N, C-alpha and C. Protein backbone atom coordinates (compact mmCIF):
# COMPACT_ATOMS: atom_id res chain seq x y z
N MET A 1 0.35 -1.23 0.08
CA MET A 1 0.35 0.01 0.18
C MET A 1 0.85 1.21 0.12
N ALA A 2 0.65 2.43 -1.08
CA ALA A 2 1.33 3.08 -0.81
C ALA A 2 1.37 3.98 0.50
N ALA A 3 1.81 5.10 0.62
CA ALA A 3 1.95 5.59 1.90
C ALA A 3 0.62 6.68 1.54
N PRO A 4 -0.13 7.11 2.46
CA PRO A 4 -1.38 7.97 2.48
C PRO A 4 -1.25 8.81 2.14
N SER A 5 -1.39 9.94 1.77
CA SER A 5 -1.09 11.34 1.84
C SER A 5 -1.99 12.37 2.50
N THR A 6 -0.92 13.35 2.52
CA THR A 6 -2.16 14.31 3.62
C THR A 6 -2.18 15.22 3.07
N ALA A 7 -2.84 16.51 3.13
CA ALA A 7 -3.34 17.53 2.32
C ALA A 7 -4.46 18.16 3.76
N VAL A 8 -4.16 19.67 3.47
CA VAL A 8 -4.94 20.56 4.45
C VAL A 8 -6.25 20.55 3.70
N ASP A 9 -6.80 20.22 4.52
CA ASP A 9 -8.51 20.56 3.72
C ASP A 9 -9.05 22.32 4.11
N CYS A 10 -8.77 22.22 4.84
CA CYS A 10 -9.49 23.77 4.60
C CYS A 10 -8.43 25.06 5.63
N PRO A 11 -7.97 26.05 5.50
CA PRO A 11 -6.63 26.90 5.87
C PRO A 11 -7.47 26.84 7.36
N GLU A 12 -8.89 27.84 7.36
CA GLU A 12 -9.10 28.19 8.26
C GLU A 12 -9.35 27.52 10.10
N ALA A 13 -9.08 25.99 9.49
CA ALA A 13 -9.02 25.45 9.92
C ALA A 13 -7.99 24.54 10.77
N MET A 14 -7.47 24.88 9.28
CA MET A 14 -5.98 23.58 9.63
C MET A 14 -6.42 22.33 9.80
N GLU A 15 -7.46 21.72 9.62
CA GLU A 15 -7.66 20.51 9.92
C GLU A 15 -6.66 19.81 8.94
N VAL A 16 -6.19 18.75 9.52
CA VAL A 16 -5.14 17.49 8.19
C VAL A 16 -6.00 16.46 8.31
N ILE A 17 -5.74 16.36 6.88
CA ILE A 17 -6.88 15.42 6.34
C ILE A 17 -6.52 14.10 5.63
N THR A 18 -6.26 12.94 6.28
CA THR A 18 -5.22 11.83 5.42
C THR A 18 -6.40 10.87 4.34
N SER A 19 -5.46 10.91 3.04
CA SER A 19 -6.69 10.16 2.47
C SER A 19 -5.40 9.07 0.94
N LEU A 20 -6.40 8.49 0.64
CA LEU A 20 -5.94 6.91 0.10
C LEU A 20 -6.85 7.26 -1.40
N ARG A 21 -6.01 6.36 -2.81
CA ARG A 21 -6.48 7.07 -3.84
C ARG A 21 -7.23 4.75 -3.87
N VAL A 22 -8.20 5.11 -4.11
CA VAL A 22 -8.54 3.28 -4.80
C VAL A 22 -9.19 2.96 -5.46
N ALA A 23 -9.39 1.72 -6.50
CA ALA A 23 -10.09 1.56 -7.56
C ALA A 23 -11.52 0.92 -7.22
N VAL A 24 -12.22 1.23 -8.09
CA VAL A 24 -13.04 -0.16 -7.90
C VAL A 24 -13.83 -0.67 -8.81
N LEU A 25 -13.65 -2.29 -8.89
CA LEU A 25 -14.21 -2.92 -9.28
C LEU A 25 -15.82 -3.19 -9.68
N MET A 26 -16.30 -2.95 -10.81
CA MET A 26 -17.64 -3.50 -10.90
C MET A 26 -17.95 -4.26 -11.76
N GLU A 27 -19.07 -4.93 -11.38
CA GLU A 27 -19.52 -6.59 -12.54
C GLU A 27 -20.93 -5.95 -13.04
N ARG A 28 -20.77 -5.99 -14.19
CA ARG A 28 -22.67 -5.32 -14.61
C ARG A 28 -22.34 -7.30 -15.33
N GLN A 29 -24.13 -7.36 -15.29
CA GLN A 29 -25.14 -8.50 -15.64
C GLN A 29 -25.92 -8.30 -17.48
N ARG A 30 -26.09 -8.60 -18.22
CA ARG A 30 -26.82 -7.97 -19.00
C ARG A 30 -28.00 -9.87 -18.94
N GLN A 31 -29.09 -8.91 -18.69
CA GLN A 31 -30.21 -9.77 -18.74
C GLN A 31 -30.12 -11.03 -17.55
N PRO A 32 -29.71 -10.69 -16.77
CA PRO A 32 -29.90 -11.54 -15.46
C PRO A 32 -30.87 -12.63 -14.99
N ASN A 33 -31.47 -12.24 -15.33
CA ASN A 33 -32.87 -13.23 -15.26
C ASN A 33 -34.15 -11.94 -15.82
N GLN A 34 -35.46 -12.68 -16.25
CA GLN A 34 -36.58 -12.37 -17.14
C GLN A 34 -36.62 -10.94 -16.55
N TRP A 35 -37.15 -10.59 -15.09
CA TRP A 35 -37.08 -9.30 -15.15
C TRP A 35 -35.92 -8.36 -14.89
N GLU A 36 -34.67 -8.38 -14.94
CA GLU A 36 -33.83 -7.42 -15.01
C GLU A 36 -33.79 -7.17 -16.11
N ALA A 37 -33.15 -5.63 -16.90
CA ALA A 37 -32.64 -6.08 -18.10
C ALA A 37 -31.04 -5.41 -17.68
N TRP A 38 -30.81 -5.05 -16.85
CA TRP A 38 -28.75 -5.26 -16.53
C TRP A 38 -28.90 -5.34 -14.98
N ARG A 39 -27.88 -6.17 -14.14
CA ARG A 39 -27.53 -6.15 -12.78
C ARG A 39 -26.18 -5.61 -13.25
N PHE A 40 -25.74 -4.99 -11.63
CA PHE A 40 -24.83 -3.98 -11.19
C PHE A 40 -23.72 -4.80 -10.12
N ARG A 41 -22.85 -4.66 -9.65
CA ARG A 41 -22.10 -5.08 -8.12
C ARG A 41 -21.06 -5.11 -8.30
N ILE A 42 -20.88 -4.14 -6.80
CA ILE A 42 -19.54 -4.17 -6.41
C ILE A 42 -18.87 -5.35 -6.46
N GLY A 43 -17.92 -5.89 -6.82
CA GLY A 43 -17.03 -6.69 -6.94
C GLY A 43 -15.83 -6.34 -5.69
N GLU A 44 -14.58 -5.41 -5.76
CA GLU A 44 -13.63 -5.51 -4.74
C GLU A 44 -13.77 -3.90 -4.65
N VAL A 45 -12.79 -3.52 -4.08
CA VAL A 45 -12.33 -2.00 -3.79
C VAL A 45 -10.27 -2.03 -3.44
N VAL A 46 -10.03 -1.68 -4.22
CA VAL A 46 -8.64 -1.88 -4.10
C VAL A 46 -7.63 -1.04 -4.07
N VAL A 47 -6.50 -0.73 -3.16
CA VAL A 47 -5.82 0.66 -3.32
C VAL A 47 -4.82 0.45 -4.83
N ASP A 48 -4.87 2.22 -5.19
CA ASP A 48 -4.67 2.33 -6.39
C ASP A 48 -3.54 3.26 -6.56
N GLU A 49 -2.07 2.45 -6.44
CA GLU A 49 -0.91 3.67 -6.19
C GLU A 49 -0.76 3.74 -7.62
N GLY A 50 -1.26 4.41 -8.71
CA GLY A 50 -1.34 4.52 -10.18
C GLY A 50 -1.46 3.61 -10.82
N GLY A 51 -0.83 2.60 -10.93
CA GLY A 51 -0.73 1.91 -12.30
C GLY A 51 -2.11 1.61 -12.74
N PHE A 52 -3.08 2.29 -12.64
CA PHE A 52 -4.80 1.70 -13.11
C PHE A 52 -4.71 2.79 -14.14
N GLY A 53 -4.24 3.93 -14.49
CA GLY A 53 -4.67 4.80 -15.15
C GLY A 53 -5.23 5.81 -14.56
N ASP A 54 -6.29 6.78 -15.16
CA ASP A 54 -7.41 7.61 -15.14
C ASP A 54 -8.69 7.26 -14.96
N ALA A 55 -8.64 6.18 -16.05
CA ALA A 55 -9.90 6.74 -17.22
C ALA A 55 -10.72 5.17 -16.24
N PRO A 56 -11.98 4.52 -16.61
CA PRO A 56 -12.30 3.32 -16.35
C PRO A 56 -12.14 2.44 -17.22
N ARG A 57 -12.04 1.46 -17.36
CA ARG A 57 -11.04 0.47 -18.20
C ARG A 57 -12.15 -1.05 -18.45
N ALA A 58 -12.04 -2.39 -19.55
CA ALA A 58 -13.12 -2.96 -18.89
C ALA A 58 -11.82 -4.09 -19.01
N LEU A 59 -11.54 -4.93 -17.81
CA LEU A 59 -10.78 -6.16 -18.24
C LEU A 59 -11.46 -6.65 -18.27
N ARG A 60 -13.00 -7.33 -18.71
CA ARG A 60 -13.41 -8.84 -18.95
C ARG A 60 -14.53 -8.36 -20.13
N ASP A 61 -14.80 -8.48 -20.74
CA ASP A 61 -16.04 -8.17 -21.41
C ASP A 61 -16.84 -9.18 -22.37
N ASP A 62 -17.45 -10.54 -21.96
CA ASP A 62 -17.62 -11.94 -22.86
C ASP A 62 -19.55 -11.35 -23.81
N GLY A 63 -20.12 -10.44 -23.50
CA GLY A 63 -20.63 -10.06 -24.25
C GLY A 63 -21.91 -10.09 -23.05
N ARG A 64 -22.12 -10.84 -22.56
CA ARG A 64 -22.86 -11.08 -21.19
C ARG A 64 -22.32 -10.67 -19.84
N THR A 65 -21.43 -10.32 -19.04
CA THR A 65 -20.42 -10.10 -18.14
C THR A 65 -19.68 -9.10 -18.48
N LEU A 66 -19.62 -7.35 -17.79
CA LEU A 66 -18.52 -7.09 -18.38
C LEU A 66 -17.70 -6.36 -17.14
N LEU A 67 -16.49 -7.00 -16.76
CA LEU A 67 -15.55 -6.40 -15.46
C LEU A 67 -15.15 -5.40 -15.86
N GLN A 68 -15.37 -4.07 -15.08
CA GLN A 68 -15.16 -2.78 -14.95
C GLN A 68 -14.34 -2.49 -14.37
N LEU A 69 -12.75 -1.99 -14.11
CA LEU A 69 -11.96 -1.28 -12.81
C LEU A 69 -12.12 0.18 -13.62
N HIS A 70 -12.50 0.84 -12.12
CA HIS A 70 -12.99 2.56 -11.94
C HIS A 70 -11.55 2.94 -11.11
N PRO A 71 -10.72 3.62 -11.58
CA PRO A 71 -9.50 4.01 -10.89
C PRO A 71 -10.24 5.62 -9.90
N GLY A 72 -8.91 5.89 -9.24
CA GLY A 72 -8.73 7.28 -8.66
C GLY A 72 -9.89 7.96 -7.95
N LEU A 73 -10.68 6.99 -7.39
CA LEU A 73 -11.52 7.52 -6.47
C LEU A 73 -10.61 7.81 -5.06
N ALA A 74 -10.66 9.29 -4.11
CA ALA A 74 -10.08 9.28 -2.99
C ALA A 74 -10.80 8.87 -1.81
N VAL A 75 -10.37 8.51 -1.01
CA VAL A 75 -11.15 8.15 0.52
C VAL A 75 -10.21 8.69 1.14
N ALA A 76 -11.05 9.48 2.21
CA ALA A 76 -10.40 10.78 2.95
C ALA A 76 -11.16 10.63 4.52
N LEU A 77 -10.68 10.71 4.90
CA LEU A 77 -10.88 10.48 6.56
C LEU A 77 -10.32 11.33 7.34
N HIS A 78 -12.00 12.27 8.01
CA HIS A 78 -11.63 13.50 8.59
C HIS A 78 -12.38 13.02 10.52
N ARG A 79 -11.28 13.70 11.13
CA ARG A 79 -11.24 13.51 12.67
C ARG A 79 -13.35 13.55 13.07
N ASP A 80 -14.27 14.89 12.66
CA ASP A 80 -15.57 14.95 12.92
C ASP A 80 -15.80 12.96 11.89
N GLU A 81 -16.13 12.42 11.28
CA GLU A 81 -16.46 11.21 11.42
C GLU A 81 -15.92 9.76 12.22
N ALA A 82 -14.71 10.43 12.50
CA ALA A 82 -14.47 9.11 13.83
C ALA A 82 -15.65 8.23 14.37
N GLU A 83 -16.71 8.83 14.76
CA GLU A 83 -16.90 7.94 15.27
C GLU A 83 -18.33 6.85 14.01
N GLY A 84 -18.06 7.28 13.15
CA GLY A 84 -18.20 6.80 12.18
C GLY A 84 -17.73 5.13 11.70
N TYR A 85 -15.93 6.02 11.71
CA TYR A 85 -15.31 4.70 11.18
C TYR A 85 -15.19 3.37 12.61
N TYR A 86 -15.38 4.13 13.60
CA TYR A 86 -15.30 3.29 14.99
C TYR A 86 -16.11 2.54 14.62
N LEU A 87 -17.46 2.88 14.67
CA LEU A 87 -18.79 2.21 14.08
C LEU A 87 -18.69 0.76 12.86
N ASN A 88 -17.95 1.51 11.97
CA ASN A 88 -17.79 0.21 10.48
C ASN A 88 -16.45 -0.71 11.93
N LEU A 89 -15.50 -0.31 12.33
CA LEU A 89 -14.74 -1.55 12.63
C LEU A 89 -15.22 -2.23 13.75
N SER A 90 -16.35 -1.68 14.67
CA SER A 90 -16.51 -2.98 15.26
C SER A 90 -18.22 -3.60 15.00
N SER A 91 -18.20 -3.58 13.54
CA SER A 91 -19.89 -4.11 13.35
C SER A 91 -19.14 -5.17 13.41
N GLY A 92 -17.93 -6.02 13.28
CA GLY A 92 -17.71 -7.11 13.50
C GLY A 92 -17.13 -7.55 11.69
N ALA A 93 -17.96 -7.13 10.93
CA ALA A 93 -17.69 -7.01 9.21
C ALA A 93 -17.16 -5.59 8.81
N PRO A 94 -15.94 -4.88 8.68
CA PRO A 94 -15.77 -3.86 8.52
C PRO A 94 -15.36 -3.68 7.08
N ALA A 95 -16.15 -2.85 6.48
CA ALA A 95 -16.30 -2.68 4.68
C ALA A 95 -15.95 -0.94 4.69
N TRP A 96 -15.86 -1.53 3.00
CA TRP A 96 -15.54 -0.10 2.56
C TRP A 96 -17.15 -0.11 1.73
N PHE A 97 -17.76 1.80 1.66
CA PHE A 97 -18.82 1.81 0.99
C PHE A 97 -18.84 2.19 -0.08
N VAL A 98 -19.71 1.49 -1.02
CA VAL A 98 -19.14 2.48 -2.60
C VAL A 98 -20.96 3.20 -2.83
N MET A 99 -21.14 4.36 -2.51
CA MET A 99 -21.96 4.86 -3.57
C MET A 99 -21.77 4.82 -5.08
N TRP A 100 -22.32 4.01 -5.74
CA TRP A 100 -22.34 3.91 -7.38
C TRP A 100 -23.95 4.93 -7.90
N ARG A 101 -24.18 5.12 -9.13
CA ARG A 101 -25.07 4.96 -9.96
C ARG A 101 -25.26 5.04 -11.05
N VAL A 102 -26.14 4.55 -11.81
CA VAL A 102 -26.71 4.62 -13.00
C VAL A 102 -27.09 5.50 -13.93
N ASP A 103 -26.41 5.66 -15.14
CA ASP A 103 -26.84 6.50 -16.19
C ASP A 103 -28.48 6.53 -16.82
N ASP A 104 -29.45 7.72 -16.31
CA ASP A 104 -30.41 7.71 -16.85
C ASP A 104 -30.53 7.41 -18.09
N GLN A 105 -29.88 7.90 -18.91
CA GLN A 105 -29.75 8.27 -20.59
C GLN A 105 -29.76 6.54 -21.25
N ASP A 106 -28.85 5.85 -20.15
CA ASP A 106 -28.01 4.45 -20.99
C ASP A 106 -27.95 3.52 -19.31
N PRO A 107 -29.42 2.79 -19.34
CA PRO A 107 -29.19 1.89 -17.81
C PRO A 107 -28.38 0.38 -18.22
N SER A 108 -27.54 0.73 -18.89
CA SER A 108 -26.46 -0.28 -19.14
C SER A 108 -25.30 0.45 -18.40
N HIS A 109 -24.99 1.61 -18.19
CA HIS A 109 -23.86 2.48 -18.09
C HIS A 109 -23.73 2.56 -16.32
N ALA A 110 -23.12 2.54 -15.83
CA ALA A 110 -22.81 2.51 -14.20
C ALA A 110 -21.86 3.03 -13.49
N TRP A 111 -21.48 3.62 -12.01
CA TRP A 111 -19.90 3.89 -12.22
C TRP A 111 -19.82 3.64 -10.84
N PRO A 112 -18.99 3.86 -9.86
CA PRO A 112 -19.40 4.07 -8.36
C PRO A 112 -19.19 5.67 -8.61
N GLU A 113 -19.69 6.25 -6.98
CA GLU A 113 -19.30 8.35 -7.25
C GLU A 113 -18.03 8.57 -6.18
N LEU A 114 -18.78 7.18 -5.34
CA LEU A 114 -17.96 7.83 -3.94
C LEU A 114 -17.87 6.66 -2.71
N VAL A 115 -16.10 6.90 -2.76
CA VAL A 115 -16.00 5.36 -1.63
C VAL A 115 -15.30 6.10 -0.26
N THR A 116 -16.26 5.33 0.95
CA THR A 116 -16.00 6.09 2.20
C THR A 116 -15.97 5.21 3.22
N LEU A 117 -14.94 5.11 4.10
CA LEU A 117 -14.67 3.94 5.58
C LEU A 117 -16.21 4.41 6.42
N SER A 118 -17.06 5.48 6.38
CA SER A 118 -17.57 6.40 7.53
C SER A 118 -18.94 5.61 7.53
N TYR A 119 -19.60 4.02 8.75
CA TYR A 119 -20.22 3.45 8.69
C TYR A 119 -21.80 5.26 8.73
N ASP A 120 -21.57 5.85 9.21
CA ASP A 120 -22.67 7.30 9.28
C ASP A 120 -22.78 7.92 7.86
N VAL A 121 -21.70 7.92 7.47
CA VAL A 121 -21.65 8.48 5.62
C VAL A 121 -22.66 7.62 5.29
N ALA A 122 -22.24 6.55 4.94
CA ALA A 122 -22.52 5.40 4.50
C ALA A 122 -24.43 5.43 4.59
N GLY A 123 -24.72 5.74 5.65
CA GLY A 123 -26.13 6.03 6.55
C GLY A 123 -26.59 7.01 6.54
N ARG A 124 -26.45 8.13 5.77
CA ARG A 124 -26.59 9.26 4.88
C ARG A 124 -27.21 9.37 3.59
N LEU A 125 -26.12 8.02 2.91
CA LEU A 125 -26.55 7.80 1.48
C LEU A 125 -27.44 7.19 1.33
N LEU A 126 -28.10 5.88 2.10
CA LEU A 126 -28.80 4.98 2.13
C LEU A 126 -30.04 6.59 2.58
N ASP A 127 -30.35 6.47 3.17
CA ASP A 127 -31.35 7.51 4.43
C ASP A 127 -31.85 8.50 2.69
N ALA A 128 -30.70 8.96 1.92
CA ALA A 128 -31.43 9.71 1.07
C ALA A 128 -31.15 8.78 -0.87
N GLN A 129 -31.94 7.68 -0.22
CA GLN A 129 -31.93 7.37 -1.51
C GLN A 129 -31.00 6.41 -2.47
N GLU A 130 -29.97 6.32 -2.28
CA GLU A 130 -28.68 6.35 -2.95
C GLU A 130 -28.31 4.92 -2.94
N ARG A 131 -28.09 4.47 -3.98
CA ARG A 131 -27.44 2.97 -4.06
C ARG A 131 -25.90 2.98 -3.71
N VAL A 132 -25.91 2.17 -2.03
CA VAL A 132 -25.16 2.56 -1.80
C VAL A 132 -24.15 0.43 -1.56
N ASP A 133 -23.12 -0.08 -2.04
CA ASP A 133 -22.78 -1.44 -1.84
C ASP A 133 -21.21 -1.61 -0.61
N ASN A 134 -21.75 -2.38 -0.06
CA ASN A 134 -20.15 -2.71 1.11
C ASN A 134 -19.27 -3.91 0.68
N VAL A 135 -18.57 -4.22 0.33
CA VAL A 135 -16.91 -5.36 0.48
C VAL A 135 -16.57 -5.10 1.38
N PRO A 136 -15.89 -5.96 1.46
CA PRO A 136 -15.00 -6.41 2.99
C PRO A 136 -13.70 -5.64 3.08
N LEU A 137 -13.23 -5.01 4.21
CA LEU A 137 -12.29 -4.13 4.28
C LEU A 137 -11.08 -5.11 4.83
N THR A 138 -10.43 -4.78 4.72
CA THR A 138 -9.12 -5.91 4.81
C THR A 138 -7.18 -5.37 4.42
N GLY A 139 -6.51 -6.32 5.49
CA GLY A 139 -5.11 -5.83 5.19
C GLY A 139 -4.59 -4.18 5.29
N GLU A 140 -3.60 -3.59 4.38
CA GLU A 140 -3.28 -2.59 5.18
C GLU A 140 -4.14 -2.12 5.60
N PRO A 141 -5.71 -1.30 3.98
CA PRO A 141 -6.20 -0.45 4.65
C PRO A 141 -6.83 -1.02 6.25
N LEU A 142 -7.21 -1.76 6.41
CA LEU A 142 -8.28 -1.98 7.61
C LEU A 142 -7.14 -1.39 8.90
N ALA A 143 -6.06 -1.90 8.77
CA ALA A 143 -4.94 -1.05 9.65
C ALA A 143 -4.77 0.30 9.75
N TRP A 144 -4.92 0.71 8.83
CA TRP A 144 -4.62 1.88 8.59
C TRP A 144 -5.87 2.59 9.26
N LEU A 145 -7.24 2.11 9.04
CA LEU A 145 -8.08 2.88 9.17
C LEU A 145 -8.17 2.44 10.97
N GLN A 146 -8.06 1.70 11.88
CA GLN A 146 -7.79 1.25 12.89
C GLN A 146 -6.81 1.99 13.48
N ALA A 147 -5.63 3.01 12.80
CA ALA A 147 -4.45 2.97 13.51
C ALA A 147 -5.41 4.74 14.07
N TYR A 148 -5.67 5.13 12.17
CA TYR A 148 -6.68 6.53 12.61
C TYR A 148 -7.77 6.82 13.48
N THR A 149 -8.46 5.44 13.62
CA THR A 149 -9.54 5.37 14.44
C THR A 149 -9.14 5.65 16.33
N ASP A 150 -7.99 4.63 16.76
CA ASP A 150 -7.34 4.77 17.64
C ASP A 150 -6.97 6.17 18.50
N GLU A 151 -6.49 6.79 17.77
CA GLU A 151 -5.63 8.26 17.19
C GLU A 151 -6.96 9.59 17.74
N HIS A 152 -7.89 9.35 16.48
CA HIS A 152 -8.94 10.56 16.76
C HIS A 152 -10.09 10.20 17.43
N TYR A 153 -10.65 8.34 17.69
CA TYR A 153 -11.89 8.42 18.32
C TYR A 153 -12.24 8.46 19.73
N LYS A 154 -13.09 9.52 19.87
CA LYS A 154 -12.89 9.60 21.90
C LYS A 154 -13.91 9.75 21.95
N PRO A 155 -14.96 8.30 22.36
CA PRO A 155 -16.32 7.96 22.89
C PRO A 155 -17.11 9.35 24.10
N GLU A 156 -18.06 9.83 23.14
CA GLU A 156 -18.56 10.78 24.53
C GLU A 156 -18.84 10.32 25.92
N PRO A 157 -18.85 11.13 26.72
CA PRO A 157 -18.68 10.28 28.06
C PRO A 157 -20.13 9.98 28.49
N LYS A 158 -20.72 8.85 29.36
CA LYS A 158 -21.76 8.74 29.75
C LYS A 158 -22.45 9.45 30.65
N LYS A 159 -23.57 9.86 30.45
CA LYS A 159 -24.16 10.42 31.37
C LYS A 159 -25.02 9.64 31.75
N ARG A 160 -24.53 9.76 33.43
CA ARG A 160 -26.06 9.41 34.65
C ARG A 160 -27.50 9.64 34.22
N SER A 161 -28.54 8.86 34.45
CA SER A 161 -29.34 9.57 34.21
C SER A 161 -30.24 9.31 35.68
N ARG A 162 -31.12 9.51 35.46
CA ARG A 162 -32.13 9.42 37.21
C ARG A 162 -32.90 8.80 36.78
N PRO A 163 -33.37 7.57 37.34
CA PRO A 163 -34.58 6.81 36.95
C PRO A 163 -34.99 7.63 37.03
N PRO A 164 -36.74 7.06 36.37
CA PRO A 164 -37.97 8.31 36.81
C PRO A 164 -38.61 7.96 37.65
N SER A 165 -38.30 7.46 38.73
CA SER A 165 -38.92 7.63 39.64
C SER A 165 -38.46 8.05 40.93
N PHE A 166 -36.84 8.93 40.19
CA PHE A 166 -36.27 9.92 41.60
C PHE A 166 -36.63 11.20 40.39
N ARG A 167 -37.57 11.60 39.92
CA ARG A 167 -37.74 13.10 39.47
C ARG A 167 -38.95 13.30 39.59
N ALA A 168 -38.88 14.77 39.83
CA ALA A 168 -40.16 15.22 39.92
C ALA A 168 -41.80 15.07 39.14
N PRO A 169 -42.94 14.79 39.65
CA PRO A 169 -43.47 14.15 38.84
C PRO A 169 -44.12 15.14 37.39
N GLY A 170 -43.58 16.49 36.97
CA GLY A 170 -43.10 16.99 36.39
C GLY A 170 -42.70 17.01 35.27
N ASP A 171 -41.58 16.30 35.90
CA ASP A 171 -40.25 15.98 34.83
C ASP A 171 -39.78 14.29 34.11
N ARG A 172 -41.03 13.84 34.53
CA ARG A 172 -40.89 12.14 34.36
C ARG A 172 -41.60 11.73 32.90
N ARG A 173 -40.54 11.68 32.24
CA ARG A 173 -41.07 11.61 30.48
C ARG A 173 -40.43 10.39 29.88
């Protein structure tokens, strides 16, 4: 894995953001059943060290199944998303979350739009009715996310709430 890059997000806050370039492998099937003309599936997310080029390219196309590589997508880690990274890591199955779209004019064409490691961002995208698939996060990217989360995630201190029976009758809800 190439060393993650560091950049300044906004000069006012001087927040340092760590980022990584990835490539997404998408599979397209023609008429997988009688009800669908096309089916898309995210196959894998891999670290893009620059050898894949800048444009999507077909790796295999047998007329029925197309395997296409989409390079150059950035995954940035932000301190304010640390809880989302923690939720992803503690889920039992850490994942890359890939938001992808289908062309309205040509339903045989789809592409990945965004890759994130935040469980919260993925949830917001799903709430917005976007297509989001996940694929397993393993190896060096998993260790990279774990190290970042260990450094930046600080759980909110638990606030002890009084049992309702100890509250004034007007405050019980």
